[in-house]
Amino acid sequence: MLRTIILSILLSGCAAKQTKLHSHSPEQTRRCYTLFEDILSIQSQRSQISEDLLREVRDSPEEAEQLRSEWVAKEESLRAEVTALYDAGYKEGCF
């Protein structure tokens, strides 16, 4: 449900800005939708690992520093992935 809401917001933002999405071929439009879905998936993962960190720290405060270090590594990797997708989306004219 959240995924649908976020996708709707992204797409409505595109429509409001009158991007080139409307002038894209069907194949380009499919690539943009795939990028949007991939972005949403990664953002969902980022949210989930943050929630997991909070729960794990609450359950094991003595391991907080180790858990935080693991979270930072995962977050940095996911941030890099989503940044690359945003860059591809801008290059493609999806935004």
PDB file of N, CA and C in Angstrom:
ATOM      1  N   MET A   1       0.821  -1.188   0.000  1.00  0.00           N
ATOM      2  CA  MET A   1       0.000   0.000   0.000  1.00  0.00           C
ATOM      3  C   MET A   1       0.867   1.254   0.000  1.00  0.00           C
ATOM      4  N   LEU A   2       1.849   1.280   0.918  1.00  0.00           N
ATOM      5  CA  LEU A   2       2.764   2.426   0.983  1.00  0.00           C
ATOM      6  C   LEU A   2       3.491   2.598  -0.338  1.00  0.00           C
ATOM      7  N   ARG A   3       3.870   1.477  -0.932  1.00  0.00           N
ATOM      8  CA  ARG A   3       4.565   1.515  -2.212  1.00  0.00           C
ATOM      9  C   ARG A   3       3.696   2.188  -3.283  1.00  0.00           C
ATOM     10  N   THR A   4       2.426   1.863  -3.310  1.00  0.00           N
ATOM     11  CA  THR A   4       1.492   2.443  -4.272  1.00  0.00           C
ATOM     12  C   THR A   4       1.349   3.940  -4.048  1.00  0.00           C
ATOM     13  N   ILE A   5       1.272   4.337  -2.797  1.00  0.00           N
ATOM     14  CA  ILE A   5       1.139   5.763  -2.475  1.00  0.00           C
ATOM     15  C   ILE A   5       2.372   6.525  -2.927  1.00  0.00           C
ATOM     16  N   ILE A   6       3.543   5.987  -2.615  1.00  0.00           N
ATOM     17  CA  ILE A   6       4.779   6.674  -2.989  1.00  0.00           C
ATOM     18  C   ILE A   6       4.915   6.744  -4.506  1.00  0.00           C
ATOM     19  N   LEU A   7       4.610   5.648  -5.198  1.00  0.00           N
ATOM     20  CA  LEU A   7       4.668   5.655  -6.656  1.00  0.00           C
ATOM     21  C   LEU A   7       3.706   6.689  -7.219  1.00  0.00           C
ATOM     22  N   SER A   8       2.523   6.800  -6.654  1.00  0.00           N
ATOM     23  CA  SER A   8       1.548   7.797  -7.109  1.00  0.00           C
ATOM     24  C   SER A   8       2.077   9.208  -6.914  1.00  0.00           C
ATOM     25  N   ILE A   9       2.723   9.431  -5.783  1.00  0.00           N
ATOM     26  CA  ILE A   9       3.291  10.757  -5.517  1.00  0.00           C
ATOM     27  C   ILE A   9       4.388  11.072  -6.523  1.00  0.00           C
ATOM     28  N   LEU A  10       5.277  10.109  -6.761  1.00  0.00           N
ATOM     29  CA  LEU A  10       6.335  10.330  -7.746  1.00  0.00           C
ATOM     30  C   LEU A  10       5.765  10.651  -9.121  1.00  0.00           C
ATOM     31  N   LEU A  11       4.778   9.865  -9.516  1.00  0.00           N
ATOM     32  CA  LEU A  11       4.198  10.072 -10.840  1.00  0.00           C
ATOM     33  C   LEU A  11       3.420  11.375 -10.930  1.00  0.00           C
ATOM     34  N   SER A  12       2.714  11.746  -9.873  1.00  0.00           N
ATOM     35  CA  SER A  12       1.977  13.008  -9.906  1.00  0.00           C
ATOM     36  C   SER A  12       2.945  14.177  -9.931  1.00  0.00           C
ATOM     37  N   GLY A  13       4.078  14.025  -9.255  1.00  0.00           N
ATOM     38  CA  GLY A  13       5.106  15.067  -9.306  1.00  0.00           C
ATOM     39  C   GLY A  13       5.638  15.232 -10.711  1.00  0.00           C
ATOM     40  N   CYS A  14       5.802  14.125 -11.399  1.00  0.00           N
ATOM     41  CA  CYS A  14       6.262  14.189 -12.785  1.00  0.00           C
ATOM     42  C   CYS A  14       5.237  14.892 -13.662  1.00  0.00           C
ATOM     43  N   ALA A  15       3.989  14.566 -13.445  1.00  0.00           N
ATOM     44  CA  ALA A  15       2.930  15.186 -14.250  1.00  0.00           C
ATOM     45  C   ALA A  15       2.840  16.675 -13.962  1.00  0.00           C
ATOM     46  N   ALA A  16       2.982  17.033 -12.691  1.00  0.00           N
ATOM     47  CA  ALA A  16       2.892  18.437 -12.315  1.00  0.00           C
ATOM     48  C   ALA A  16       4.025  19.253 -12.918  1.00  0.00           C
ATOM     49  N   LYS A  17       5.191  18.657 -13.032  1.00  0.00           N
ATOM     50  CA  LYS A  17       6.337  19.359 -13.595  1.00  0.00           C
ATOM     51  C   LYS A  17       6.332  19.315 -15.113  1.00  0.00           C
ATOM     52  N   GLN A  18       5.390  18.575 -15.678  1.00  0.00           N
ATOM     53  CA  GLN A  18       5.283  18.440 -17.118  1.00  0.00           C
ATOM     54  C   GLN A  18       6.614  17.973 -17.709  1.00  0.00           C
ATOM     55  N   THR A  19       7.091  16.862 -17.202  1.00  0.00           N
ATOM     56  CA  THR A  19       8.355  16.314 -17.682  1.00  0.00           C
ATOM     57  C   THR A  19       8.183  15.731 -19.069  1.00  0.00           C
ATOM     58  N   LYS A  20       9.277  15.203 -19.572  1.00  0.00           N
ATOM     59  CA  LYS A  20       9.282  14.601 -20.892  1.00  0.00           C
ATOM     60  C   LYS A  20       8.630  13.228 -20.905  1.00  0.00           C
ATOM     61  N   LEU A  21       8.162  12.750 -19.759  1.00  0.00           N
ATOM     62  CA  LEU A  21       7.595  11.406 -19.673  1.00  0.00           C
ATOM     63  C   LEU A  21       6.487  11.197 -20.706  1.00  0.00           C
ATOM     64  N   HIS A  22       5.687  12.238 -20.942  1.00  0.00           N
ATOM     65  CA  HIS A  22       4.572  12.102 -21.886  1.00  0.00           C
ATOM     66  C   HIS A  22       5.057  11.969 -23.323  1.00  0.00           C
ATOM     67  N   SER A  23       6.250  12.460 -23.613  1.00  0.00           N
ATOM     68  CA  SER A  23       6.757  12.374 -24.972  1.00  0.00           C
ATOM     69  C   SER A  23       7.626  11.140 -25.183  1.00  0.00           C
ATOM     70  N   HIS A  24       7.742  10.323 -24.154  1.00  0.00           N
ATOM     71  CA  HIS A  24       8.545   9.109 -24.263  1.00  0.00           C
ATOM     72  C   HIS A  24       7.828   8.045 -25.070  1.00  0.00           C
ATOM     73  N   SER A  25       8.643   7.208 -25.647  1.00  0.00           N
ATOM     74  CA  SER A  25       8.097   6.027 -26.307  1.00  0.00           C
ATOM     75  C   SER A  25       7.589   5.072 -25.228  1.00  0.00           C
ATOM     76  N   PRO A  26       6.779   4.109 -25.607  1.00  0.00           N
ATOM     77  CA  PRO A  26       6.327   3.125 -24.611  1.00  0.00           C
ATOM     78  C   PRO A  26       7.499   2.420 -23.913  1.00  0.00           C
ATOM     79  N   GLU A  27       8.574   2.159 -24.646  1.00  0.00           N
ATOM     80  CA  GLU A  27       9.741   1.506 -24.043  1.00  0.00           C
ATOM     81  C   GLU A  27      10.415   2.424 -23.021  1.00  0.00           C
ATOM     82  N   GLN A  28      10.542   3.690 -23.343  1.00  0.00           N
ATOM     83  CA  GLN A  28      11.132   4.633 -22.387  1.00  0.00           C
ATOM     84  C   GLN A  28      10.254   4.758 -21.144  1.00  0.00           C
ATOM     85  N   THR A  29       8.963   4.802 -21.346  1.00  0.00           N
ATOM     86  CA  THR A  29       8.031   4.889 -20.218  1.00  0.00           C
ATOM     87  C   THR A  29       8.158   3.660 -19.322  1.00  0.00           C
ATOM     88  N   ARG A  30       8.278   2.479 -19.931  1.00  0.00           N
ATOM     89  CA  ARG A  30       8.471   1.253 -19.140  1.00  0.00           C
ATOM     90  C   ARG A  30       9.769   1.324 -18.343  1.00  0.00           C
ATOM     91  N   ARG A  31      10.827   1.846 -18.963  1.00  0.00           N
ATOM     92  CA  ARG A  31      12.100   1.975 -18.240  1.00  0.00           C
ATOM     93  C   ARG A  31      11.955   2.920 -17.056  1.00  0.00           C
ATOM     94  N   CYS A  32      11.218   4.005 -17.247  1.00  0.00           N
ATOM     95  CA  CYS A  32      10.996   4.951 -16.141  1.00  0.00           C
ATOM     96  C   CYS A  32      10.207   4.285 -15.014  1.00  0.00           C
ATOM     97  N   TYR A  33       9.150   3.574 -15.364  1.00  0.00           N
ATOM     98  CA  TYR A  33       8.364   2.892 -14.329  1.00  0.00           C
ATOM     99  C   TYR A  33       9.215   1.862 -13.589  1.00  0.00           C
ATOM    100  N   THR A  34      10.062   1.155 -14.328  1.00  0.00           N
ATOM    101  CA  THR A  34      10.956   0.182 -13.690  1.00  0.00           C
ATOM    102  C   THR A  34      11.908   0.891 -12.740  1.00  0.00           C
ATOM    103  N   LEU A  35      12.447   2.030 -13.158  1.00  0.00           N
ATOM    104  CA  LEU A  35      13.313   2.812 -12.267  1.00  0.00           C
ATOM    105  C   LEU A  35      12.558   3.241 -11.019  1.00  0.00           C
ATOM    106  N   PHE A  36      11.342   3.738 -11.190  1.00  0.00           N
ATOM    107  CA  PHE A  36      10.542   4.164 -10.037  1.00  0.00           C
ATOM    108  C   PHE A  36      10.331   2.997  -9.068  1.00  0.00           C
ATOM    109  N   GLU A  37       9.992   1.834  -9.618  1.00  0.00           N
ATOM    110  CA  GLU A  37       9.766   0.665  -8.763  1.00  0.00           C
ATOM    111  C   GLU A  37      11.043   0.250  -8.042  1.00  0.00           C
ATOM    112  N   ASP A  38      12.168   0.287  -8.746  1.00  0.00           N
ATOM    113  CA  ASP A  38      13.446  -0.070  -8.125  1.00  0.00           C
ATOM    114  C   ASP A  38      13.810   0.921  -7.020  1.00  0.00           C
ATOM    115  N   ILE A  39      13.572   2.196  -7.275  1.00  0.00           N
ATOM    116  CA  ILE A  39      13.834   3.224  -6.260  1.00  0.00           C
ATOM    117  C   ILE A  39      12.973   2.967  -5.031  1.00  0.00           C
ATOM    118  N   LEU A  40      11.695   2.702  -5.251  1.00  0.00           N
ATOM    119  CA  LEU A  40      10.794   2.434  -4.126  1.00  0.00           C
ATOM    120  C   LEU A  40      11.224   1.200  -3.339  1.00  0.00           C
ATOM    121  N   SER A  41      11.682   0.186  -4.038  1.00  0.00           N
ATOM    122  CA  SER A  41      12.127  -1.028  -3.374  1.00  0.00           C
ATOM    123  C   SER A  41      13.335  -0.747  -2.470  1.00  0.00           C
ATOM    124  N   ILE A  42      14.288  -0.015  -2.989  1.00  0.00           N
ATOM    125  CA  ILE A  42      15.480   0.302  -2.192  1.00  0.00           C
ATOM    126  C   ILE A  42      15.120   1.213  -1.026  1.00  0.00           C
ATOM    127  N   GLN A  43      14.272   2.191  -1.264  1.00  0.00           N
ATOM    128  CA  GLN A  43      13.872   3.080  -0.172  1.00  0.00           C
ATOM    129  C   GLN A  43      13.139   2.293   0.915  1.00  0.00           C
ATOM    130  N   SER A  44      12.369   1.320   0.508  1.00  0.00           N
ATOM    131  CA  SER A  44      11.687   0.465   1.477  1.00  0.00           C
ATOM    132  C   SER A  44      12.700  -0.345   2.291  1.00  0.00           C
ATOM    133  N   GLN A  45      13.721  -0.858   1.611  1.00  0.00           N
ATOM    134  CA  GLN A  45      14.784  -1.589   2.313  1.00  0.00           C
ATOM    135  C   GLN A  45      15.500  -0.687   3.315  1.00  0.00           C
ATOM    136  N   ARG A  46      15.759   0.548   2.904  1.00  0.00           N
ATOM    137  CA  ARG A  46      16.429   1.498   3.804  1.00  0.00           C
ATOM    138  C   ARG A  46      15.581   1.749   5.045  1.00  0.00           C
ATOM    139  N   SER A  47      14.308   1.899   4.838  1.00  0.00           N
ATOM    140  CA  SER A  47      13.401   2.109   5.961  1.00  0.00           C
ATOM    141  C   SER A  47      13.404   0.896   6.884  1.00  0.00           C
ATOM    142  N   GLN A  48      13.358  -0.279   6.275  1.00  0.00           N
ATOM    143  CA  GLN A  48      13.315  -1.511   7.060  1.00  0.00           C
ATOM    144  C   GLN A  48      14.587  -1.703   7.878  1.00  0.00           C
ATOM    145  N   ILE A  49      15.757  -1.436   7.302  1.00  0.00           N
ATOM    146  CA  ILE A  49      16.982  -1.641   8.084  1.00  0.00           C
ATOM    147  C   ILE A  49      17.084  -0.629   9.218  1.00  0.00           C
ATOM    148  N   SER A  50      16.513   0.551   9.027  1.00  0.00           N
ATOM    149  CA  SER A  50      16.494   1.533  10.122  1.00  0.00           C
ATOM    150  C   SER A  50      15.584   1.062  11.251  1.00  0.00           C
ATOM    151  N   GLU A  51      14.422   0.560  10.886  1.00  0.00           N
ATOM    152  CA  GLU A  51      13.504   0.022  11.898  1.00  0.00           C
ATOM    153  C   GLU A  51      14.141  -1.166  12.621  1.00  0.00           C
ATOM    154  N   ASP A  52      14.804  -2.021  11.859  1.00  0.00           N
ATOM    155  CA  ASP A  52      15.475  -3.183  12.456  1.00  0.00           C
ATOM    156  C   ASP A  52      16.550  -2.743  13.438  1.00  0.00           C
ATOM    157  N   LEU A  53      17.322  -1.729  13.048  1.00  0.00           N
ATOM    158  CA  LEU A  53      18.375  -1.228  13.932  1.00  0.00           C
ATOM    159  C   LEU A  53      17.789  -0.756  15.250  1.00  0.00           C
ATOM    160  N   LEU A  54      16.747   0.040  15.182  1.00  0.00           N
ATOM    161  CA  LEU A  54      16.133   0.553  16.405  1.00  0.00           C
ATOM    162  C   LEU A  54      15.639  -0.575  17.302  1.00  0.00           C
ATOM    163  N   ARG A  55      15.012  -1.574  16.701  1.00  0.00           N
ATOM    164  CA  ARG A  55      14.508  -2.707  17.471  1.00  0.00           C
ATOM    165  C   ARG A  55      15.665  -3.500  18.091  1.00  0.00           C
ATOM    166  N   GLU A  56      16.696  -3.753  17.307  1.00  0.00           N
ATOM    167  CA  GLU A  56      17.829  -4.537  17.801  1.00  0.00           C
ATOM    168  C   GLU A  56      18.587  -3.805  18.912  1.00  0.00           C
ATOM    169  N   VAL A  57      18.750  -2.496  18.770  1.00  0.00           N
ATOM    170  CA  VAL A  57      19.438  -1.724  19.811  1.00  0.00           C
ATOM    171  C   VAL A  57      18.608  -1.737  21.091  1.00  0.00           C
ATOM    172  N   ARG A  58      17.310  -1.619  20.938  1.00  0.00           N
ATOM    173  CA  ARG A  58      16.431  -1.669  22.106  1.00  0.00           C
ATOM    174  C   ARG A  58      16.529  -3.027  22.801  1.00  0.00           C
ATOM    175  N   ASP A  59      16.617  -4.098  22.012  1.00  0.00           N
ATOM    176  CA  ASP A  59      16.687  -5.442  22.568  1.00  0.00           C
ATOM    177  C   ASP A  59      18.083  -5.810  23.081  1.00  0.00           C
ATOM    178  N   SER A  60      19.124  -5.206  22.508  1.00  0.00           N
ATOM    179  CA  SER A  60      20.513  -5.540  22.884  1.00  0.00           C
ATOM    180  C   SER A  60      21.358  -4.271  22.971  1.00  0.00           C
ATOM    181  N   PRO A  61      21.107  -3.412  23.953  1.00  0.00           N
ATOM    182  CA  PRO A  61      21.837  -2.144  24.026  1.00  0.00           C
ATOM    183  C   PRO A  61      23.355  -2.314  24.118  1.00  0.00           C
ATOM    184  N   GLU A  62      23.817  -3.436  24.676  1.00  0.00           N
ATOM    185  CA  GLU A  62      25.259  -3.654  24.797  1.00  0.00           C
ATOM    186  C   GLU A  62      25.927  -3.860  23.432  1.00  0.00           C
ATOM    187  N   GLU A  63      25.152  -4.189  22.423  1.00  0.00           N
ATOM    188  CA  GLU A  63      25.677  -4.404  21.073  1.00  0.00           C
ATOM    189  C   GLU A  63      25.407  -3.211  20.161  1.00  0.00           C
ATOM    190  N   ALA A  64      25.004  -2.095  20.714  1.00  0.00           N
ATOM    191  CA  ALA A  64      24.567  -0.945  19.922  1.00  0.00           C
ATOM    192  C   ALA A  64      25.621  -0.466  18.937  1.00  0.00           C
ATOM    193  N   GLU A  65      26.854  -0.360  19.360  1.00  0.00           N
ATOM    194  CA  GLU A  65      27.895   0.163  18.461  1.00  0.00           C
ATOM    195  C   GLU A  65      28.136  -0.772  17.278  1.00  0.00           C
ATOM    196  N   GLN A  66      28.182  -2.056  17.529  1.00  0.00           N
ATOM    197  CA  GLN A  66      28.371  -3.035  16.448  1.00  0.00           C
ATOM    198  C   GLN A  66      27.182  -2.994  15.488  1.00  0.00           C
ATOM    199  N   LEU A  67      25.989  -2.937  16.037  1.00  0.00           N
ATOM    200  CA  LEU A  67      24.783  -2.870  15.207  1.00  0.00           C
ATOM    201  C   LEU A  67      24.766  -1.603  14.371  1.00  0.00           C
ATOM    202  N   ARG A  68      25.162  -0.491  14.971  1.00  0.00           N
ATOM    203  CA  ARG A  68      25.204   0.774  14.241  1.00  0.00           C
ATOM    204  C   ARG A  68      26.213   0.706  13.099  1.00  0.00           C
ATOM    205  N   SER A  69      27.361   0.104  13.334  1.00  0.00           N
ATOM    206  CA  SER A  69      28.379  -0.030  12.288  1.00  0.00           C
ATOM    207  C   SER A  69      27.862  -0.858  11.115  1.00  0.00           C
ATOM    208  N   GLU A  70      27.173  -1.933  11.432  1.00  0.00           N
ATOM    209  CA  GLU A  70      26.585  -2.764  10.379  1.00  0.00           C
ATOM    210  C   GLU A  70      25.526  -1.989   9.604  1.00  0.00           C
ATOM    211  N   TRP A  71      24.719  -1.220  10.333  1.00  0.00           N
ATOM    212  CA  TRP A  71      23.672  -0.428   9.688  1.00  0.00           C
ATOM    213  C   TRP A  71      24.291   0.602   8.748  1.00  0.00           C
ATOM    214  N   VAL A  72      25.356   1.274   9.198  1.00  0.00           N
ATOM    215  CA  VAL A  72      26.006   2.291   8.365  1.00  0.00           C
ATOM    216  C   VAL A  72      26.484   1.677   7.055  1.00  0.00           C
ATOM    217  N   ALA A  73      27.091   0.518   7.116  1.00  0.00           N
ATOM    218  CA  ALA A  73      27.577  -0.141   5.895  1.00  0.00           C
ATOM    219  C   ALA A  73      26.428  -0.462   4.943  1.00  0.00           C
ATOM    220  N   LYS A  74      25.343  -1.014   5.474  1.00  0.00           N
ATOM    221  CA  LYS A  74      24.176  -1.340   4.638  1.00  0.00           C
ATOM    222  C   LYS A  74      23.562  -0.067   4.055  1.00  0.00           C
ATOM    223  N   GLU A  75      23.428   0.948   4.900  1.00  0.00           N
ATOM    224  CA  GLU A  75      22.808   2.206   4.462  1.00  0.00           C
ATOM    225  C   GLU A  75      23.625   2.860   3.358  1.00  0.00           C
ATOM    226  N   GLU A  76      24.941   2.876   3.522  1.00  0.00           N
ATOM    227  CA  GLU A  76      25.797   3.486   2.498  1.00  0.00           C
ATOM    228  C   GLU A  76      25.669   2.752   1.162  1.00  0.00           C
ATOM    229  N   SER A  77      25.602   1.441   1.222  1.00  0.00           N
ATOM    230  CA  SER A  77      25.462   0.653  -0.002  1.00  0.00           C
ATOM    231  C   SER A  77      24.124   0.927  -0.686  1.00  0.00           C
ATOM    232  N   LEU A  78      23.051   0.922   0.084  1.00  0.00           N
ATOM    233  CA  LEU A  78      21.724   1.184  -0.491  1.00  0.00           C
ATOM    234  C   LEU A  78      21.618   2.616  -0.998  1.00  0.00           C
ATOM    235  N   ARG A  79      22.213   3.557  -0.280  1.00  0.00           N
ATOM    236  CA  ARG A  79      22.188   4.951  -0.731  1.00  0.00           C
ATOM    237  C   ARG A  79      22.897   5.087  -2.077  1.00  0.00           C
ATOM    238  N   ALA A  80      24.027   4.417  -2.237  1.00  0.00           N
ATOM    239  CA  ALA A  80      24.749   4.458  -3.507  1.00  0.00           C
ATOM    240  C   ALA A  80      23.911   3.873  -4.639  1.00  0.00           C
ATOM    241  N   GLU A  81      23.229   2.760  -4.353  1.00  0.00           N
ATOM    242  CA  GLU A  81      22.369   2.141  -5.369  1.00  0.00           C
ATOM    243  C   GLU A  81      21.243   3.072  -5.796  1.00  0.00           C
ATOM    244  N   VAL A  82      20.571   3.663  -4.819  1.00  0.00           N
ATOM    245  CA  VAL A  82      19.424   4.506  -5.153  1.00  0.00           C
ATOM    246  C   VAL A  82      19.883   5.795  -5.838  1.00  0.00           C
ATOM    247  N   THR A  83      21.037   6.293  -5.461  1.00  0.00           N
ATOM    248  CA  THR A  83      21.575   7.485  -6.124  1.00  0.00           C
ATOM    249  C   THR A  83      21.842   7.196  -7.597  1.00  0.00           C
ATOM    250  N   ALA A  84      22.402   6.029  -7.889  1.00  0.00           N
ATOM    251  CA  ALA A  84      22.644   5.642  -9.278  1.00  0.00           C
ATOM    252  C   ALA A  84      21.333   5.546 -10.054  1.00  0.00           C
ATOM    253  N   LEU A  85      20.289   5.023  -9.402  1.00  0.00           N
ATOM    254  CA  LEU A  85      18.988   4.934 -10.072  1.00  0.00           C
ATOM    255  C   LEU A  85      18.401   6.319 -10.333  1.00  0.00           C
ATOM    256  N   TYR A  86      18.519   7.219  -9.361  1.00  0.00           N
ATOM    257  CA  TYR A  86      18.047   8.584  -9.581  1.00  0.00           C
ATOM    258  C   TYR A  86      18.819   9.241 -10.716  1.00  0.00           C
ATOM    259  N   ASP A  87      20.131   9.050 -10.738  1.00  0.00           N
ATOM    260  CA  ASP A  87      20.943   9.618 -11.819  1.00  0.00           C
ATOM    261  C   ASP A  87      20.490   9.090 -13.172  1.00  0.00           C
ATOM    262  N   ALA A  88      20.242   7.784 -13.243  1.00  0.00           N
ATOM    263  CA  ALA A  88      19.756   7.185 -14.492  1.00  0.00           C
ATOM    264  C   ALA A  88      18.391   7.747 -14.861  1.00  0.00           C
ATOM    265  N   GLY A  89      17.537   7.935 -13.860  1.00  0.00           N
ATOM    266  CA  GLY A  89      16.208   8.493 -14.117  1.00  0.00           C
ATOM    267  C   GLY A  89      16.271   9.912 -14.652  1.00  0.00           C
ATOM    268  N   TYR A  90      17.154  10.728 -14.090  1.00  0.00           N
ATOM    269  CA  TYR A  90      17.316  12.094 -14.605  1.00  0.00           C
ATOM    270  C   TYR A  90      17.868  12.076 -16.024  1.00  0.00           C
ATOM    271  N   LYS A  91      18.849  11.211 -16.268  1.00  0.00           N
ATOM    272  CA  LYS A  91      19.431  11.112 -17.612  1.00  0.00           C
ATOM    273  C   LYS A  91      18.391  10.670 -18.633  1.00  0.00           C
ATOM    274  N   GLU A  92      17.527   9.759 -18.217  1.00  0.00           N
ATOM    275  CA  GLU A  92      16.483   9.235 -19.093  1.00  0.00           C
ATOM    276  C   GLU A  92      15.334  10.235 -19.279  1.00  0.00           C
ATOM    277  N   GLY A  93      15.270  11.254 -18.401  1.00  0.00           N
ATOM    278  CA  GLY A  93      14.188  12.230 -18.479  1.00  0.00           C
ATOM    279  C   GLY A  93      12.940  11.792 -17.731  1.00  0.00           C
ATOM    280  N   CYS A  94      13.103  10.888 -16.786  1.00  0.00           N
ATOM    281  CA  CYS A  94      11.956  10.381 -16.028  1.00  0.00           C
ATOM    282  C   CYS A  94      11.472  11.376 -14.972  1.00  0.00           C
ATOM    283  N   PHE A  95      12.339  12.279 -14.550  1.00  0.00           N
ATOM    284  CA  PHE A  95      11.978  13.247 -13.498  1.00  0.00           C
ATOM    285  C   PHE A  95      11.828  14.624 -14.072  1.00  0.00           C
TER     286      PHE A  95
END
